[in-house]
Amino acid sequence: MTRFFAAPSDITGGVIRLSADDAAHILSLRLRPNDLFVVCDGNGADYICRLGERGAGSTAEIVEKRPSRGEPFVACDVYIALAKGDRLDYAVQKSVELGARSVILFKSKRCVAAPGDVSKKITRLQRIALETAKQCGRGRVPEVSAAAAFRSAVEQAARAGTPLFFYELEEKTSLKQALEQSGEISTVSVVTGPEGGFEPDEAEFARSAGMTTVTLGTRILRCETAPAAVLAAVMFHTGDL
């Protein structure tokens, strides 16, 4: 069924008031009164709804409420270095599809992309996260934000129960080993680098902050591929894929 998101404040008395954008989308989909679709409150609950009045300010009558099935068992925050072109678009889209709780952008020493107006970038990427969450059946829309600096990103990531820093010069610890050594996993942070990888002192800072430096094997993955590869492995390891 077609899926939309609504703020909890728009859900009252067995009726959900849809946004103007969603109302327009309903018109474009040619949904008719009494057709069924799903509205998620962004907090993990799905509402099976029957379409009421159409047009601006469309409303939906709640038929059934049930837990969202699209949220993973593990909370995984993904930290992605700023990248050129549409690489961030791809990385954010795939991170949301694969179950990331949030996406945090940061700038490291070898980033090729100039930060520019990060707020505009965040606005666009948040829209991508919303549309992807609708498409893949998520129960929440992951937040996209930016860290003030590399060090603050690492310090925040290090607070996770399983903090993973992916470094191309790491030779000892594989992702499989890092996940197995973590035991029962509830929170994971994933830090991946830019096109040129991380500087040695950045990897050393991550270690000193309490992160585990991890290799993704002998093949060098593109900066937009690495987050998706890691998330897929984490979800598989925790039984969610």
Protein backbone atom coordinates (compact mmCIF):
# COMPACT_ATOMS: atom_id res chain seq x y z
CA MET A 1 0.00 0.00 0.00
CA THR A 2 1.02 3.60 -0.57
CA ARG A 3 2.84 5.02 2.45
CA PHE A 4 2.91 8.51 3.99
CA PHE A 5 4.28 10.08 7.17
CA ALA A 6 2.41 12.41 9.51
CA ALA A 7 3.35 14.23 12.71
CA PRO A 8 1.78 12.75 15.89
CA SER A 9 0.07 16.12 16.43
CA ASP A 10 -1.88 15.55 13.18
CA ILE A 11 -3.36 12.31 14.51
CA THR A 12 -6.45 12.98 16.62
CA GLY A 13 -9.77 11.30 17.28
CA GLY A 14 -9.37 8.50 14.79
CA VAL A 15 -8.53 10.87 11.95
CA ILE A 16 -5.21 11.90 10.41
CA ARG A 17 -4.82 15.23 8.64
CA LEU A 18 -2.41 14.90 5.73
CA SER A 19 0.04 17.58 4.59
CA ALA A 20 -0.54 19.61 1.43
CA ASP A 21 2.28 17.70 -0.30
CA ASP A 22 0.74 14.34 0.58
CA ALA A 23 -2.69 15.54 -0.49
CA ALA A 24 -1.24 16.49 -3.88
CA HIS A 25 0.49 13.11 -4.09
CA ILE A 26 -2.81 11.38 -3.41
CA LEU A 27 -4.38 13.27 -6.28
CA SER A 28 -1.54 12.28 -8.60
CA LEU A 29 -1.93 8.63 -7.58
CA ARG A 30 -5.65 8.83 -8.38
CA LEU A 31 -6.59 7.40 -5.00
CA ARG A 32 -10.33 7.60 -4.41
CA PRO A 33 -12.40 8.02 -1.24
CA ASN A 34 -12.42 4.77 0.80
CA ASP A 35 -9.14 3.54 -0.78
CA LEU A 36 -6.72 2.18 1.82
CA PHE A 37 -3.14 3.33 2.44
CA VAL A 38 -0.62 3.54 5.29
CA VAL A 39 0.31 6.55 7.40
CA CYS A 40 3.26 6.28 9.79
CA ASP A 41 3.63 8.57 12.81
CA GLY A 42 7.44 8.53 12.61
CA ASN A 43 7.64 6.88 16.03
CA GLY A 44 7.30 3.29 14.90
CA ALA A 45 3.51 3.01 14.53
CA ASP A 46 1.65 2.38 11.26
CA TYR A 47 -1.97 3.36 10.71
CA ILE A 48 -4.02 1.61 8.05
CA CYS A 49 -6.23 4.42 6.77
CA ARG A 50 -9.23 4.98 4.54
CA LEU A 51 -9.12 8.10 2.39
CA GLY A 52 -11.60 10.80 3.34
CA GLU A 53 -12.00 14.13 1.59
CA ARG A 54 -9.56 14.86 -1.25
CA GLY A 55 -7.61 17.97 -2.19
CA ALA A 56 -5.90 20.46 0.12
CA GLY A 57 -6.21 19.33 3.73
CA SER A 58 -7.12 15.74 2.89
CA THR A 59 -7.99 13.57 5.84
CA ALA A 60 -7.62 9.86 6.50
CA GLU A 61 -9.86 7.74 8.70
CA ILE A 62 -7.88 5.29 10.88
CA VAL A 63 -8.95 1.70 10.35
CA GLU A 64 -6.18 -0.10 12.24
CA LYS A 65 -3.01 0.73 14.21
CA ARG A 66 -0.03 -1.64 14.30
CA PRO A 67 3.73 -1.55 14.95
CA SER A 68 5.92 -0.68 11.95
CA ARG A 69 7.72 -3.73 10.61
CA GLY A 70 10.44 -1.77 8.81
CA GLU A 71 12.61 -0.82 11.80
CA PRO A 72 15.71 -2.93 12.56
CA PHE A 73 16.58 -4.45 15.93
CA VAL A 74 19.87 -2.55 16.16
CA ALA A 75 20.28 1.24 16.24
CA CYS A 76 22.96 2.15 13.69
CA ASP A 77 24.19 5.71 13.16
CA VAL A 78 26.17 6.30 9.97
CA TYR A 79 28.86 8.98 9.75
CA ILE A 80 29.74 9.83 6.15
CA ALA A 81 32.54 12.13 4.98
CA LEU A 82 31.49 14.90 2.59
CA ALA A 83 31.77 13.81 -1.04
CA LYS A 84 31.43 15.30 -4.52
CA GLY A 85 28.43 15.28 -6.83
CA ASP A 86 25.56 12.94 -6.16
CA ARG A 87 27.60 10.47 -4.11
CA LEU A 88 26.06 11.70 -0.86
CA ASP A 89 22.59 11.34 -2.35
CA TYR A 90 23.31 7.67 -3.08
CA ALA A 91 24.93 7.05 0.31
CA VAL A 92 22.02 8.57 2.23
CA GLN A 93 19.40 6.78 0.15
CA LYS A 94 21.01 3.36 0.64
CA SER A 95 21.69 4.00 4.34
CA VAL A 96 18.00 4.70 4.91
CA GLU A 97 16.96 1.64 2.88
CA LEU A 98 19.27 -0.60 4.90
CA GLY A 99 18.06 0.63 8.29
CA ALA A 100 20.29 3.48 9.50
CA ARG A 101 18.87 5.33 12.51
CA SER A 102 20.57 8.59 11.49
CA VAL A 103 23.13 9.94 9.03
CA ILE A 104 25.76 12.45 10.13
CA LEU A 105 27.99 14.24 7.64
CA PHE A 106 31.48 15.47 8.51
CA LYS A 107 34.56 16.98 6.86
CA SER A 108 37.92 15.24 7.10
CA LYS A 109 41.34 16.25 5.79
CA ARG A 110 41.14 14.49 2.41
CA CYS A 111 37.60 15.56 1.52
CA VAL A 112 37.54 16.78 -2.06
CA ALA A 113 34.14 18.45 -1.74
CA ALA A 114 34.07 22.00 -0.43
CA PRO A 115 31.50 22.32 2.39
CA GLY A 116 29.72 25.36 0.86
CA ASP A 117 26.25 25.87 2.32
CA VAL A 118 25.86 22.69 4.36
CA SER A 119 22.32 23.65 5.44
CA LYS A 120 21.08 23.48 1.83
CA LYS A 121 22.79 20.11 1.41
CA ILE A 122 21.16 18.83 4.59
CA THR A 123 17.71 20.02 3.46
CA ARG A 124 18.03 18.13 0.16
CA LEU A 125 19.36 14.98 1.81
CA GLN A 126 16.62 15.04 4.44
CA ARG A 127 14.08 15.10 1.63
CA ILE A 128 15.81 12.07 0.09
CA ALA A 129 15.64 10.33 3.48
CA LEU A 130 11.89 11.02 3.71
CA GLU A 131 11.11 9.74 0.22
CA THR A 132 13.29 6.67 0.76
CA ALA A 133 11.63 5.92 4.12
CA LYS A 134 8.24 5.98 2.39
CA GLN A 135 9.43 3.71 -0.41
CA CYS A 136 11.10 1.06 1.74
CA GLY A 137 8.52 0.86 4.55
CA ARG A 138 10.46 2.44 7.40
CA GLY A 139 8.70 3.29 10.66
CA ARG A 140 10.84 6.39 11.19
CA VAL A 141 12.51 8.96 8.98
CA PRO A 142 16.24 8.96 9.84
CA GLU A 143 17.59 12.40 10.66
CA VAL A 144 20.34 13.80 8.44
CA SER A 145 22.67 16.28 10.15
CA ALA A 146 26.24 17.59 10.03
CA ALA A 147 28.93 17.45 12.71
CA ALA A 148 30.79 20.65 13.50
CA ALA A 149 34.16 19.00 12.86
CA PHE A 150 35.87 15.64 12.33
CA ARG A 151 36.82 15.33 15.99
CA SER A 152 33.34 16.05 17.26
CA ALA A 153 31.94 13.44 14.82
CA VAL A 154 34.38 10.81 16.11
CA GLU A 155 33.76 11.66 19.76
CA GLN A 156 30.03 11.31 19.22
CA ALA A 157 30.41 8.06 17.27
CA ALA A 158 32.64 6.60 19.99
CA ARG A 159 29.71 6.61 22.45
CA ALA A 160 28.00 3.70 20.64
CA GLY A 161 28.21 0.21 22.07
CA THR A 162 29.97 -0.93 18.88
CA PRO A 163 31.94 2.00 17.41
CA LEU A 164 33.49 1.14 14.04
CA PHE A 165 35.95 3.33 12.13
CA PHE A 166 36.69 2.07 8.62
CA TYR A 167 40.31 2.67 7.67
CA GLU A 168 41.90 1.47 4.45
CA LEU A 169 45.29 0.83 6.12
CA GLU A 170 43.86 -1.37 8.87
CA GLU A 171 45.13 -4.93 8.35
CA LYS A 172 44.19 -6.88 11.46
CA THR A 173 40.52 -6.42 12.33
CA SER A 174 37.88 -7.34 9.76
CA LEU A 175 34.25 -6.28 10.00
CA LYS A 176 33.26 -9.87 10.74
CA GLN A 177 35.74 -10.05 13.61
CA ALA A 178 34.68 -6.68 15.02
CA LEU A 179 31.01 -7.68 15.07
CA GLU A 180 31.71 -11.10 16.58
CA GLN A 181 33.90 -9.58 19.30
CA SER A 182 31.16 -7.11 20.24
CA GLY A 183 28.88 -9.83 21.59
CA GLU A 184 25.25 -8.72 21.82
CA ILE A 185 24.87 -5.58 19.71
CA SER A 186 22.34 -2.84 20.43
CA THR A 187 23.95 0.37 19.16
CA VAL A 188 26.46 0.71 16.33
CA SER A 189 28.26 3.69 14.84
CA VAL A 190 29.82 3.47 11.39
CA VAL A 191 32.39 6.04 10.25
CA THR A 192 33.44 5.95 6.59
CA GLY A 193 35.88 8.23 4.79
CA PRO A 194 36.02 10.49 1.73
CA GLU A 195 37.30 9.74 -1.77
CA GLY A 196 40.93 9.90 -0.61
CA GLY A 197 40.49 7.97 2.62
CA PHE A 198 41.61 9.01 6.10
CA GLU A 199 44.94 10.47 7.20
CA PRO A 200 46.91 8.29 9.66
CA ASP A 201 46.49 10.85 12.45
CA GLU A 202 42.72 10.77 11.97
CA ALA A 203 42.68 7.00 12.39
CA GLU A 204 44.89 7.35 15.46
CA PHE A 205 42.50 9.90 16.96
CA ALA A 206 39.61 7.50 16.37
CA ARG A 207 41.49 4.75 18.23
CA SER A 208 42.31 7.07 21.11
CA ALA A 209 38.64 8.06 21.33
CA GLY A 210 37.70 4.40 21.79
CA MET A 211 36.71 3.40 18.27
CA THR A 212 37.74 0.14 16.61
CA THR A 213 39.55 0.60 13.30
CA VAL A 214 38.25 -1.92 10.80
CA THR A 215 39.15 -3.08 7.29
CA LEU A 216 36.63 -3.79 4.55
CA GLY A 217 38.99 -6.24 2.87
CA THR A 218 41.49 -6.05 0.04
CA ARG A 219 39.22 -4.18 -2.39
CA ILE A 220 38.95 -0.39 -2.15
CA LEU A 221 35.29 0.59 -2.06
CA ARG A 222 34.00 3.92 -3.30
CA CYS A 223 33.02 6.36 -0.58
CA GLU A 224 29.34 5.98 -1.45
CA THR A 225 29.53 2.16 -1.49
CA ALA A 226 31.22 1.65 1.89
CA PRO A 227 28.28 2.75 4.11
CA ALA A 228 25.87 0.46 2.27
CA ALA A 229 28.28 -2.48 2.44
CA VAL A 230 28.79 -2.03 6.18
CA LEU A 231 25.10 -1.59 6.95
CA ALA A 232 24.17 -4.70 4.98
CA ALA A 233 26.75 -6.69 6.96
CA VAL A 234 25.56 -5.29 10.31
CA MET A 235 21.92 -6.05 9.51
CA PHE A 236 22.80 -9.57 8.36
CA HIS A 237 24.86 -10.19 11.51
CA THR A 238 22.06 -9.01 13.80
CA GLY A 239 19.41 -11.08 12.00
CA ASP A 240 17.62 -8.22 10.29
CA LEU A 241 18.52 -9.09 6.71
